[in-house]
Each structure stands twice: as C-alpha cells, then as structure tokens.
C-alpha cells in the first residue's frame, strides 16, 4: 500500500419498460481475467452484461441482485440471468447524469419487502433528486404500492449533479445524498435543498432530532450542507457513522464524515479549481467550515463506496473501497480511525460506477458503459 503524506431529453415511464421474462445475457465481450494487487492476484469474473450504464446494486437475502440502469430500468440478476425490466418503477428524467440511480433495501426487507429507489424526477423546467419506495412482488418482477417519500426542492434546469446515494443508518434513518445541480451558491442556502445531505425516516417524515428542525430559514430534512456532488455513501461498520465522498471541480475530490448541521464549504472553498482555471480558496482559509478526511488531486471521480468486512480478502478488512470513474478501478483506503494511512489503486481498466460487498465476501462492481457489466472480484481460486 502506498503511504500518504497529506495530500435531447428522455422521460421514461415505467409502462414503457415492461415484459418480465428472465433471459440469460452473455457478458458484453468480457472474459475472466486476473489483476495484480498489493495482497496478491485477484480474479475479475463477469457476472452479467448488457446493462446500459448500471448505477445502483442491492443484494436480496437469497443472494439475487437488484440493479438499476440509468436509462430508467430496474432488473433482477439471478446467477447469470438478467430479468426484463421490473414493472412499477417511477418515471425518470433520463438526461445527462440523471435517470434511475441508486437502489437500497429496507432494513426489515425480509418482513416487508420494501425497496427504495433514488432517481432524477422530471418536473418544472428540469428535475430534482427524489426517493420512492415500493413493495417487491413475490415473483420479483414488479414494485407495488410505489410512493414518493422525498423530493429535493426546488426543481431546476440542467442535467448534472444529482448525487443520489442511499444509506440506512443503524437506527433505521435513511440518508439521501444530493448535488449542487451545477448551480453553485444554493449549496450554502439552507432554504434550498440543492447541495445537501438529507436524513429522513423510512416513511419520508422528518426525524425530530435533525439539526435544522424548527428553523424557519432551513429545510428540516437537511443533515449537512455545502456539498458539490455526493455519489458515495456508506455506514461505518463499527461506529455507525455516515461516510461520503463527493466530486470536486478540477481536482479536489473529497472523502468526508458528515456531521449534523456542519457546512462542508462548497462553493466557498475547495482543493480543486473551477473548470475555467480560476482558483478556489483552499479549505484551510476557512477554519469555520468542516474539513475533509481526505482529498484527491488529480481527481479520481469517485462513485460508490463500501466498507469491506468480509473474509475473502482478510487484508482488506476495515478498508474503504471506492469506485473510480476517471481512475478506472477501485481505490482502496486503509484507515486509522478517521485518518487515511494508505491508498492502493486497483486498476480494472474500466469506469467503475459502484462497488459493493456481496454476501459471499466477494467484491462486486458496476462498469459505467453503454454495455455495462457486473464484475465479481475474488482471490484467485475462490
């Protein structure tokens, strides 16, 4: 491990995505291979292909998977079989970075079969991040009783920076990440839902202990603010704290542990620069703002993250695994508390949109391609 020294619009209705017949899908021209890591060779095995920009992944108790496609489809993966799109998915704004994004299971899924979706919802002159929940049918071919439980407000024009990761805390509260929608200043405005992380109850109501409850100048769902585009969220397996990462502009991607009510600085400060080349004040210039745990410059373009707790990779236990789009693989971070002590880049030669630990202890990643795949990483021979 390298040690660090500090440093056209498509609105897709669910009714257009029917036909629930499971089909076997041959991975899109991919074959099993081996990649080198600091702890030995790792086998990279295609699970299923033919996915259009897959984004979110959730494992069912029986080890089947639900996977989203940004274009607006939710599918079931059973072994190497990929289902037709599930019925009942809300319509999405499939434009630019928007579409059907994350998926998560209710903490009591085994009893209630509730599935949560985060997506770009059309409306007004554009759209906003939204969360809906529905009941997965016994045949796992549809969502029923679908209801929207959260809408980022306001809806604005543009097709960038929706955020849209979901993470359930140990107490059952749901964290929802968002982005600044490329609008910059509203990330600092507590009356706006742009550029915020939200905390809600599983029915969409507001927890009474949220930091801005009772304030007339703030949206009560807000947990933290001053965020640019948060596309990674995971709960620490020991502390139960929320960890996130977000895109910087030109450089300055961040790893954060968002605390209640804190301001994380965007667009007032950043380790990166504006795309015009104009500099942005560095975070230490504003000690009143919350700092990041770690940052990257050049950017890795982080998307998706998980804490590894399995047995297949003993040397990775307790590490953070982050998907990298421009870095083309997995970024593995060794931690000492909230301090990053080492970093490894595992080169997969692919834009990685999400990374998850499977119930078998293997690591599963989604490739961000028009013919995307689910890949399984395991030690050679496992």
Protein backbone atom coordinates (compact mmCIF):
# COMPACT_ATOMS: atom_id res chain seq x y z
CA UNK A 1 0.00 0.00 0.00
CA UNK A 2 1.26 3.44 -0.92
CA UNK A 3 1.54 5.60 2.19
CA UNK A 4 0.46 9.18 2.11
CA UNK A 5 1.99 12.38 3.29
CA UNK A 6 -1.23 14.52 3.12
CA UNK A 7 -2.29 15.49 0.15
CA UNK A 8 -32.47 15.57 -26.26
CA UNK A 9 -34.43 14.71 -23.07
CA UNK A 10 -35.81 11.24 -22.35
CA UNK A 11 -38.54 10.95 -19.74
CA UNK A 12 -39.01 7.23 -19.26
CA UNK A 13 -42.37 5.99 -17.96
CA UNK A 14 -42.38 2.65 -16.24
CA UNK A 15 -45.14 1.41 -18.55
CA UNK A 16 -42.66 1.60 -21.42
CA UNK A 17 -40.38 -0.83 -19.65
CA UNK A 18 -42.47 -3.97 -19.34
CA UNK A 19 -42.18 -7.66 -20.35
CA UNK A 20 -40.98 -9.57 -17.30
CA UNK A 21 -39.28 -12.60 -18.86
CA UNK A 22 -35.91 -13.62 -17.44
CA UNK A 23 -33.24 -14.07 -20.09
CA UNK A 24 -29.66 -15.19 -19.93
CA UNK A 25 -27.36 -12.39 -21.02
CA UNK A 26 -23.86 -13.03 -22.26
CA UNK A 27 -21.39 -10.53 -20.81
CA UNK A 28 -20.61 -7.85 -23.38
CA UNK A 29 -17.42 -9.26 -24.89
CA UNK A 30 -15.77 -9.59 -21.49
CA UNK A 31 -13.84 -12.58 -20.16
CA UNK A 32 -12.47 -13.57 -16.77
CA UNK A 33 -9.03 -12.15 -16.05
CA UNK A 34 -6.59 -11.60 -13.26
CA UNK A 35 -5.35 -8.28 -11.93
CA UNK A 36 -2.45 -7.62 -9.59
CA UNK A 37 -2.95 -6.12 -6.13
CA UNK A 38 -0.58 -5.50 -3.25
CA UNK A 39 -2.04 -8.52 -1.47
CA UNK A 40 -1.88 -10.94 -4.37
CA UNK A 41 -3.66 -11.62 -7.65
CA UNK A 42 -7.41 -11.06 -7.87
CA UNK A 43 -9.75 -12.77 -10.30
CA UNK A 44 -12.19 -10.47 -12.12
CA UNK A 45 -15.16 -12.51 -13.34
CA UNK A 46 -18.06 -11.09 -15.38
CA UNK A 47 -21.41 -11.92 -13.77
CA UNK A 48 -23.78 -10.41 -16.33
CA UNK A 49 -23.56 -7.85 -19.14
CA UNK A 50 -25.90 -5.95 -21.41
CA UNK A 51 -26.66 -3.23 -18.84
CA UNK A 52 -26.99 0.38 -20.00
CA UNK A 53 -24.94 2.48 -17.60
CA UNK A 54 -25.70 0.43 -14.45
CA UNK A 55 -25.68 2.62 -11.34
CA UNK A 56 -27.05 1.01 -8.18
CA UNK A 57 -26.84 -2.53 -6.79
CA UNK A 58 -28.55 -4.24 -3.86
CA UNK A 59 -28.36 -7.89 -2.74
CA UNK A 60 -31.55 -9.69 -1.81
CA UNK A 61 -31.46 -12.11 1.16
CA UNK A 62 -31.35 -15.05 -1.29
CA UNK A 63 -28.24 -13.54 -2.95
CA UNK A 64 -30.02 -12.42 -6.10
CA UNK A 65 -29.36 -8.80 -7.02
CA UNK A 66 -31.38 -5.75 -7.98
CA UNK A 67 -29.52 -3.47 -10.38
CA UNK A 68 -30.55 -0.10 -11.81
CA UNK A 69 -29.82 1.21 -15.28
CA UNK A 70 -29.57 4.96 -15.61
CA UNK A 71 -31.97 4.92 -18.59
CA UNK A 72 -34.80 4.00 -16.20
CA UNK A 73 -34.79 0.23 -15.77
CA UNK A 74 -34.65 -1.88 -12.63
CA UNK A 75 -33.64 -5.51 -13.22
CA UNK A 76 -33.19 -8.70 -11.23
CA UNK A 77 -29.97 -10.70 -11.57
CA UNK A 78 -30.25 -14.41 -10.75
CA UNK A 79 -26.93 -16.15 -11.33
CA UNK A 80 -26.03 -15.18 -14.89
CA UNK A 81 -29.67 -14.46 -15.84
CA UNK A 82 -30.87 -10.89 -16.23
CA UNK A 83 -34.61 -10.24 -16.00
CA UNK A 84 -36.68 -7.97 -18.17
CA UNK A 85 -37.32 -4.55 -16.57
CA UNK A 86 -39.44 -4.71 -13.44
CA UNK A 87 -42.84 -3.03 -13.63
CA UNK A 88 -43.83 -0.19 -11.32
CA UNK A 89 -40.67 1.91 -11.50
CA UNK A 90 -41.42 5.67 -11.38
CA UNK A 91 -40.80 7.77 -14.48
CA UNK A 92 -37.34 9.28 -14.51
CA UNK A 93 -35.54 12.17 -16.15
CA UNK A 94 -33.02 10.19 -18.19
CA UNK A 95 -30.84 13.06 -19.26
CA UNK A 96 -27.15 13.72 -18.76
CA UNK A 97 -26.24 12.43 -15.31
CA UNK A 98 -29.89 11.94 -14.41
CA UNK A 99 -32.01 8.81 -14.55
CA UNK A 100 -32.71 5.83 -12.31
CA UNK A 101 -29.78 5.85 -9.92
CA UNK A 102 -29.46 4.11 -6.55
CA UNK A 103 -31.39 1.20 -5.03
CA UNK A 104 -31.49 0.03 -1.41
CA UNK A 105 -33.44 -2.49 0.64
CA UNK A 106 -35.39 -1.60 3.76
CA UNK A 107 -33.60 -2.80 6.93
CA UNK A 108 -36.65 -5.04 7.52
CA UNK A 109 -36.87 -6.24 3.92
CA UNK A 110 -37.24 -9.88 4.96
CA UNK A 111 -40.57 -8.94 6.58
CA UNK A 112 -41.87 -6.05 4.43
CA UNK A 113 -40.11 -6.49 1.01
CA UNK A 114 -39.69 -2.71 0.67
CA UNK A 115 -37.27 -1.38 -1.94
CA UNK A 116 -36.10 2.24 -2.12
CA UNK A 117 -35.10 3.97 -5.35
CA UNK A 118 -33.23 7.25 -5.77
CA UNK A 119 -33.68 8.92 -9.15
CA UNK A 120 -33.87 12.15 -11.11
CA UNK A 121 -37.55 13.11 -11.14
CA UNK A 122 -38.83 15.29 -14.02
CA UNK A 123 -40.77 18.45 -13.27
CA UNK A 124 -40.84 22.17 -13.83
CA UNK A 125 -38.08 23.27 -16.20
CA UNK A 126 -35.97 20.23 -15.38
CA UNK A 127 -35.99 17.97 -12.36
CA UNK A 128 -34.59 17.09 -8.98
CA UNK A 129 -33.41 14.18 -6.89
CA UNK A 130 -36.26 12.09 -5.48
CA UNK A 131 -36.73 8.91 -3.46
CA UNK A 132 -39.58 6.43 -3.87
CA UNK A 133 -40.33 3.17 -2.11
CA UNK A 134 -42.35 0.17 -3.24
CA UNK A 135 -43.01 -3.45 -2.36
CA UNK A 136 -41.19 -6.08 -4.38
CA UNK A 137 -43.65 -8.68 -5.64
CA UNK A 138 -43.31 -12.33 -4.66
CA UNK A 139 -42.21 -13.11 -8.22
CA UNK A 140 -39.69 -10.23 -8.03
CA UNK A 141 -40.99 -8.86 -11.34
CA UNK A 142 -42.64 -5.63 -10.14
CA UNK A 143 -42.83 -2.96 -7.46
CA UNK A 144 -46.26 -2.33 -5.96
CA UNK A 145 -47.73 0.46 -3.83
CA UNK A 146 -44.99 2.82 -5.04
CA UNK A 147 -44.95 6.18 -3.30
CA UNK A 148 -42.55 9.11 -3.45
CA UNK A 149 -41.30 9.82 0.05
CA UNK A 150 -38.79 12.60 -0.67
CA UNK A 151 -38.31 15.31 -3.29
CA UNK A 152 -35.37 17.68 -3.42
CA UNK A 153 -36.68 21.23 -3.77
CA UNK A 154 -36.56 23.28 -5.85
CA UNK A 155 -36.61 21.52 -9.20
CA UNK A 156 -34.21 23.30 -11.53
CA UNK A 157 -32.95 23.11 -15.12
CA UNK A 158 -29.87 21.17 -16.09
CA UNK A 159 -28.83 17.54 -16.11
CA UNK A 160 -25.85 17.40 -13.77
CA UNK A 161 -25.03 16.70 -10.11
CA UNK A 162 -27.99 14.75 -8.76
CA UNK A 163 -25.94 12.89 -6.14
CA UNK A 164 -28.47 10.17 -5.23
CA UNK A 165 -26.85 7.61 -2.95
CA UNK A 166 -28.91 5.96 -0.22
CA UNK A 167 -27.60 4.69 3.13
CA UNK A 168 -29.56 3.31 6.08
CA UNK A 169 -28.09 4.11 9.49
CA UNK A 170 -28.18 1.53 12.32
CA UNK A 171 -31.19 3.36 13.83
CA UNK A 172 -33.16 2.90 10.60
CA UNK A 173 -32.91 6.51 9.47
CA UNK A 174 -32.25 7.00 5.75
CA UNK A 175 -29.52 9.28 4.45
CA UNK A 176 -30.06 10.69 0.95
CA UNK A 177 -27.24 12.46 -0.85
CA UNK A 178 -27.67 15.15 -3.47
CA UNK A 179 -25.62 17.54 -5.57
CA UNK A 180 -25.48 21.23 -6.31
CA UNK A 181 -27.10 20.69 -9.76
CA UNK A 182 -24.19 22.77 -11.09
CA UNK A 183 -25.82 25.86 -9.57
CA UNK A 184 -23.01 26.58 -7.03
CA UNK A 185 -24.31 29.13 -4.48
CA UNK A 186 -27.56 27.35 -3.42
CA UNK A 187 -25.39 24.71 -1.73
CA UNK A 188 -24.91 27.35 1.00
CA UNK A 189 -28.60 28.25 1.27
CA UNK A 190 -30.46 26.27 3.95
CA UNK A 191 -33.80 27.22 2.37
CA UNK A 192 -32.74 25.28 -0.72
CA UNK A 193 -32.37 21.51 -1.00
CA UNK A 194 -29.55 21.86 -3.52
CA UNK A 195 -26.09 20.65 -2.44
CA UNK A 196 -27.24 18.91 0.74
CA UNK A 197 -27.26 15.56 2.50
CA UNK A 198 -30.68 14.71 3.91
CA UNK A 199 -31.80 12.48 6.78
CA UNK A 200 -35.36 11.16 6.79
CA UNK A 201 -37.44 8.45 8.38
CA UNK A 202 -38.30 5.40 6.28
CA UNK A 203 -41.76 6.85 5.55
CA UNK A 204 -40.26 10.17 4.42
CA UNK A 205 -41.10 12.10 7.59
CA UNK A 206 -38.52 14.26 9.33
CA UNK A 207 -36.66 12.93 12.39
CA UNK A 208 -37.28 15.15 15.37
CA UNK A 209 -33.55 15.34 16.14
CA UNK A 210 -32.44 16.60 12.73
CA UNK A 211 -30.17 19.64 13.18
CA UNK A 212 -32.39 22.24 11.50
CA UNK A 213 -35.82 21.15 12.75
CA UNK A 214 -37.89 24.13 13.89
CA UNK A 215 -35.92 26.75 11.97
CA UNK A 216 -37.89 28.90 9.55
CA UNK A 217 -34.78 29.56 7.44
CA UNK A 218 -33.93 25.90 6.73
CA UNK A 219 -35.40 22.75 5.25
CA UNK A 220 -35.85 20.31 8.14
CA UNK A 221 -34.65 17.25 6.17
CA UNK A 222 -31.12 18.70 5.87
CA UNK A 223 -28.36 16.88 7.72
CA UNK A 224 -25.34 18.75 6.31
CA UNK A 225 -24.71 21.26 3.53
CA UNK A 226 -22.11 22.85 1.27
CA UNK A 227 -21.76 19.71 -0.88
CA UNK A 228 -20.95 19.62 -4.60
CA UNK A 229 -21.99 16.16 -5.83
CA UNK A 230 -22.13 13.29 -3.35
CA UNK A 231 -22.17 9.96 -5.23
CA UNK A 232 -20.82 7.72 -2.49
CA UNK A 233 -22.28 6.91 0.93
CA UNK A 234 -21.65 4.08 3.39
CA UNK A 235 -22.16 3.45 7.10
CA UNK A 236 -19.06 2.66 9.13
CA UNK A 237 -19.46 -0.91 10.42
CA UNK A 238 -18.09 -0.10 13.88
CA UNK A 239 -19.07 3.48 14.64
CA UNK A 240 -22.33 3.60 12.68
CA UNK A 241 -21.31 6.99 11.28
CA UNK A 242 -22.11 8.09 7.75
CA UNK A 243 -19.12 8.40 5.41
CA UNK A 244 -19.43 10.00 1.99
CA UNK A 245 -17.34 11.16 -0.91
CA UNK A 246 -18.00 13.84 -3.49
CA UNK A 247 -16.69 15.17 -6.75
CA UNK A 248 -14.56 18.28 -6.72
CA UNK A 249 -14.35 20.55 -9.77
CA UNK A 250 -10.96 20.21 -11.49
CA UNK A 251 -9.37 18.17 -8.74
CA UNK A 252 -10.34 18.26 -5.11
CA UNK A 253 -12.49 15.13 -4.79
CA UNK A 254 -13.23 14.63 -1.08
CA UNK A 255 -13.84 11.91 1.49
CA UNK A 256 -15.99 13.17 4.37
CA UNK A 257 -17.65 12.08 7.58
CA UNK A 258 -20.63 14.44 7.50
CA UNK A 259 -21.72 15.65 10.92
CA UNK A 260 -25.13 17.05 11.80
CA UNK A 261 -25.52 20.70 10.87
CA UNK A 262 -21.98 21.18 9.53
CA UNK A 263 -21.09 23.22 6.44
CA UNK A 264 -18.66 21.43 4.11
CA UNK A 265 -17.70 24.54 2.19
CA UNK A 266 -18.78 24.27 -1.42
CA UNK A 267 -18.50 26.59 -3.36
CA UNK A 268 -16.70 28.83 -0.89
CA UNK A 269 -13.64 26.58 -0.68
CA UNK A 270 -12.24 23.54 -2.48
CA UNK A 271 -8.96 21.74 -3.06
CA UNK A 272 -9.78 21.91 -6.78
CA UNK A 273 -10.15 24.70 -9.32
CA UNK A 274 -13.03 25.92 -11.47
CA UNK A 275 -13.19 24.45 -14.98
CA UNK A 276 -12.30 27.91 -16.27
CA UNK A 277 -8.98 27.55 -14.45
CA UNK A 278 -9.90 30.14 -11.82
CA UNK A 279 -8.61 29.11 -8.42
CA UNK A 280 -10.85 28.50 -5.43
CA UNK A 281 -9.69 29.30 -1.89
CA UNK A 282 -8.26 26.23 -0.15
CA UNK A 283 -10.27 24.82 2.79
CA UNK A 284 -7.75 25.89 5.49
CA UNK A 285 -8.53 29.52 4.59
CA UNK A 286 -11.93 28.99 6.26
CA UNK A 287 -11.37 27.16 9.57
CA UNK A 288 -15.03 27.79 10.44
CA UNK A 289 -16.04 25.26 7.77
CA UNK A 290 -15.85 21.49 8.14
CA UNK A 291 -12.79 19.86 6.60
CA UNK A 292 -12.50 16.65 4.63
CA UNK A 293 -10.93 13.41 5.85
CA UNK A 294 -9.00 13.02 2.59
CA UNK A 295 -8.87 14.56 -0.88
CA UNK A 296 -7.58 13.74 -4.34
CA UNK A 297 -5.91 16.00 -6.90
CA UNK A 298 -5.81 14.89 -9.70
CA UNK A 299 -9.36 13.69 -9.34
CA UNK A 300 -10.38 10.04 -9.21
CA UNK A 301 -14.06 10.88 -9.94
CA UNK A 302 -15.40 8.73 -7.07
CA UNK A 303 -18.72 6.92 -7.36
CA UNK A 304 -20.00 4.31 -4.93
CA UNK A 305 -18.25 3.05 -1.81
CA UNK A 306 -18.34 0.30 0.78
CA UNK A 307 -16.53 -0.73 3.94
CA UNK A 308 -15.11 -4.19 3.44
CA UNK A 309 -15.98 -6.57 6.31
CA UNK A 310 -15.78 -9.97 4.60
CA UNK A 311 -13.47 -12.96 4.86
CA UNK A 312 -12.31 -13.46 1.27
CA UNK A 313 -9.88 -10.55 1.49
CA UNK A 314 -8.51 -10.55 5.07
CA UNK A 315 -6.02 -7.77 4.31
CA UNK A 316 -8.84 -5.51 3.16
CA UNK A 317 -10.99 -5.91 6.27
CA UNK A 318 -11.93 -2.47 7.62
CA UNK A 319 -10.81 -0.73 4.44
CA UNK A 320 -12.89 1.66 2.35
CA UNK A 321 -13.37 0.57 -1.25
CA UNK A 322 -14.30 3.37 -3.65
CA UNK A 323 -15.27 3.14 -7.31
CA UNK A 324 -13.27 5.38 -9.61
CA UNK A 325 -14.54 6.65 -12.94
CA UNK A 326 -11.53 8.54 -14.31
CA UNK A 327 -9.14 6.45 -12.21
CA UNK A 328 -10.52 3.32 -13.88
CA UNK A 329 -10.81 0.92 -10.97
CA UNK A 330 -11.11 0.60 -7.21
CA UNK A 331 -9.41 2.94 -4.77
CA UNK A 332 -8.67 1.05 -1.53
CA UNK A 333 -8.03 3.12 1.58
CA UNK A 334 -6.53 1.89 4.84
CA UNK A 335 -7.83 3.76 7.90
CA UNK A 336 -6.78 4.57 11.41
CA UNK A 337 -9.97 5.98 12.89
CA UNK A 338 -10.85 8.85 10.57
CA UNK A 339 -7.30 9.14 9.23
CA UNK A 340 -6.33 7.66 5.86
CA UNK A 341 -3.00 5.91 6.33
CA UNK A 342 -2.56 4.24 2.95
CA UNK A 343 -4.01 4.02 -0.53
CA UNK A 344 -3.92 1.42 -3.29
CA UNK A 345 -5.22 1.84 -6.84
CA UNK A 346 -6.58 -1.45 -8.24
CA UNK A 347 -6.57 -0.98 -11.99
CA UNK A 348 -9.55 -2.57 -13.72
CA UNK A 349 -9.28 -0.60 -16.95
CA UNK A 350 -12.96 0.36 -16.61
CA UNK A 351 -15.01 3.31 -15.35
CA UNK A 352 -16.39 1.97 -12.08
CA UNK A 353 -19.75 3.43 -11.06
CA UNK A 354 -20.39 1.44 -7.89
CA UNK A 355 -18.68 -1.04 -5.58
CA UNK A 356 -20.46 -3.39 -3.17
CA UNK A 357 -19.55 -6.28 -0.91
CA UNK A 358 -21.55 -9.41 -1.68
CA UNK A 359 -22.92 -11.85 0.88
CA UNK A 360 -20.22 -14.30 -0.28
CA UNK A 361 -17.48 -11.85 0.73
CA UNK A 362 -16.56 -11.09 -2.87
CA UNK A 363 -16.46 -7.52 -4.19
CA UNK A 364 -18.92 -6.61 -6.94
CA UNK A 365 -18.52 -3.58 -9.20
CA UNK A 366 -20.59 -1.92 -11.91
CA UNK A 367 -18.92 -0.66 -15.07
CA UNK A 368 -20.18 2.66 -16.39
CA UNK A 369 -20.63 1.84 -20.07
CA UNK A 370 -23.48 1.72 -22.61
CA UNK A 371 -22.92 -2.06 -22.48
CA UNK A 372 -22.07 -2.20 -18.80
CA UNK A 373 -21.40 -5.23 -16.64
CA UNK A 374 -21.44 -6.51 -13.11
CA UNK A 375 -17.98 -7.85 -12.26
CA UNK A 376 -17.09 -10.09 -9.30
CA UNK A 377 -13.66 -9.76 -7.66
CA UNK A 378 -12.31 -12.63 -5.58
CA UNK A 379 -8.94 -14.14 -4.72
CA UNK A 380 -7.71 -16.47 -7.43
CA UNK A 381 -9.28 -19.88 -6.91
CA UNK A 382 -12.24 -18.53 -4.90
